[in-house]
Amino acid sequence: MRDYRKYKIWELGHELTLYIYKISQNFPQEEMYGMTSQMRRAAYSIPSNIAEGCGRESEAEFRRFLVIAQGSASELEYFAILAHDLGYINDNIYTELDDRVNKIRRSLNNLIKKL
């Protein structure tokens, strides 16, 4: 069994999740059960799937959970675009968020290729 806390990609995912919770606090109240909830879920799905994959027995299972985390990162990338286009986040926050998500996607892709 792997220790997920030793993976830099898990740490990046956790930091991204904290960032999403911070920026989504300013979203309109009517989005509490809409985009705010969905964006947070997509964000915490990244490190939680990495952690769950680390708890699995085989590399194939680990890889499968990394692919799921990659899908969540893609979902989060779309929510960032939507939040920006709706005016919920400004250009600077959008750029920061997009950079973080793409770094995670590249790192996940590299890890998947190594397995």
Protein backbone atom coordinates (compact mmCIF):
# COMPACT_ATOMS: atom_id res chain seq x y z
CA MET A 1 0.00 0.00 0.00
CA ARG A 2 1.27 3.45 -0.95
CA ASP A 3 1.28 6.51 1.30
CA TYR A 4 -0.64 9.16 -0.65
CA ARG A 5 0.89 11.96 1.45
CA LYS A 6 4.27 11.21 -0.13
CA TYR A 7 2.98 12.09 -3.60
CA LYS A 8 3.54 15.70 -4.68
CA ILE A 9 0.46 15.43 -6.91
CA TRP A 10 -1.72 14.69 -3.87
CA GLU A 11 -0.29 17.77 -2.12
CA LEU A 12 -1.00 19.92 -5.19
CA GLY A 13 -4.56 18.58 -5.29
CA HIS A 14 -5.09 19.32 -1.61
CA GLU A 15 -3.76 22.87 -2.01
CA LEU A 16 -6.02 23.37 -5.02
CA THR A 17 -9.01 22.17 -3.00
CA LEU A 18 -8.26 24.70 -0.25
CA TYR A 19 -7.93 27.42 -2.90
CA ILE A 20 -11.31 26.48 -4.43
CA TYR A 21 -13.00 26.63 -1.03
CA LYS A 22 -11.48 30.08 -0.47
CA ILE A 23 -12.48 31.61 -3.80
CA SER A 24 -15.92 30.03 -3.92
CA GLN A 25 -16.88 31.67 -0.61
CA ASN A 26 -17.50 34.81 -2.65
CA PHE A 27 -19.85 33.18 -5.16
CA PRO A 28 -23.48 34.31 -5.09
CA GLN A 29 -25.66 32.67 -2.44
CA GLU A 30 -27.94 31.20 -5.10
CA GLU A 31 -24.96 29.13 -6.34
CA MET A 32 -24.47 27.43 -2.94
CA TYR A 33 -26.14 24.22 -4.13
CA GLY A 34 -25.14 24.70 -7.75
CA MET A 35 -21.76 25.69 -9.02
CA THR A 36 -20.18 26.23 -5.59
CA SER A 37 -21.02 22.68 -4.55
CA GLN A 38 -20.03 21.15 -7.89
CA MET A 39 -16.75 23.03 -8.08
CA ARG A 40 -15.78 22.02 -4.56
CA ARG A 41 -16.73 18.41 -5.24
CA ALA A 42 -14.64 18.32 -8.42
CA ALA A 43 -11.70 19.84 -6.52
CA TYR A 44 -11.71 17.47 -3.56
CA SER A 45 -12.30 14.55 -5.87
CA ILE A 46 -8.76 14.99 -7.21
CA PRO A 47 -6.80 14.34 -3.99
CA SER A 48 -9.40 11.92 -2.62
CA ASN A 49 -9.13 9.70 -5.70
CA ILE A 50 -5.35 9.78 -5.47
CA ALA A 51 -5.61 8.75 -1.82
CA GLU A 52 -8.10 5.99 -2.58
CA GLY A 53 -5.95 4.69 -5.43
CA CYS A 54 -2.97 4.52 -3.09
CA GLY A 55 -4.99 2.28 -0.82
CA ARG A 56 -5.61 -0.26 -3.58
CA GLU A 57 -3.54 -3.37 -4.09
CA SER A 58 -2.58 -3.24 -7.75
CA GLU A 59 -0.99 -0.72 -10.06
CA ALA A 60 -3.94 -1.12 -12.43
CA GLU A 61 -6.34 -0.01 -9.70
CA PHE A 62 -4.05 2.86 -8.73
CA ARG A 63 -3.93 3.95 -12.38
CA ARG A 64 -7.73 3.77 -12.65
CA PHE A 65 -8.15 6.18 -9.72
CA LEU A 66 -5.56 8.53 -11.20
CA VAL A 67 -7.59 8.59 -14.42
CA ILE A 68 -10.70 9.43 -12.39
CA ALA A 69 -8.76 12.27 -10.71
CA GLN A 70 -7.77 13.49 -14.16
CA GLY A 71 -11.44 13.61 -15.15
CA SER A 72 -12.23 15.66 -12.06
CA ALA A 73 -9.45 18.08 -12.98
CA SER A 74 -10.98 18.50 -16.44
CA GLU A 75 -14.38 19.11 -14.85
CA LEU A 76 -12.85 21.73 -12.57
CA GLU A 77 -11.18 23.39 -15.54
CA TYR A 78 -14.61 23.88 -17.11
CA PHE A 79 -16.08 25.27 -13.88
CA ALA A 80 -13.25 27.81 -13.80
CA ILE A 81 -14.18 28.97 -17.30
CA LEU A 82 -17.84 29.18 -16.34
CA ALA A 83 -17.16 31.05 -13.09
CA HIS A 84 -14.99 33.52 -14.99
CA ASP A 85 -17.53 34.03 -17.77
CA LEU A 86 -20.30 34.60 -15.20
CA GLY A 87 -18.13 37.19 -13.44
CA TYR A 88 -17.75 35.19 -10.22
CA ILE A 89 -13.94 35.28 -10.46
CA ASN A 90 -11.72 37.95 -11.96
CA ASP A 91 -9.01 37.50 -14.59
CA ASN A 92 -6.20 37.11 -12.03
CA ILE A 93 -7.99 34.39 -10.07
CA TYR A 94 -8.99 32.63 -13.28
CA THR A 95 -5.39 32.62 -14.54
CA GLU A 96 -4.10 31.30 -11.21
CA LEU A 97 -6.77 28.62 -11.08
CA ASP A 98 -6.21 27.57 -14.69
CA ASP A 99 -2.45 27.31 -14.11
CA ARG A 100 -2.95 25.15 -11.01
CA VAL A 101 -5.43 22.84 -12.70
CA ASN A 102 -3.22 22.39 -15.75
CA LYS A 103 -0.19 21.65 -13.59
CA ILE A 104 -2.17 18.92 -11.84
CA ARG A 105 -3.42 17.50 -15.14
CA ARG A 106 0.14 17.35 -16.52
CA SER A 107 1.45 15.76 -13.31
CA LEU A 108 -1.33 13.17 -13.28
CA ASN A 109 -0.65 12.38 -16.93
CA ASN A 110 3.07 11.93 -16.22
CA LEU A 111 2.40 9.66 -13.24
CA ILE A 112 -0.06 7.55 -15.23
CA LYS A 113 2.52 7.12 -18.00
CA LYS A 114 5.14 5.95 -15.47
CA LEU A 115 2.90 3.17 -14.15
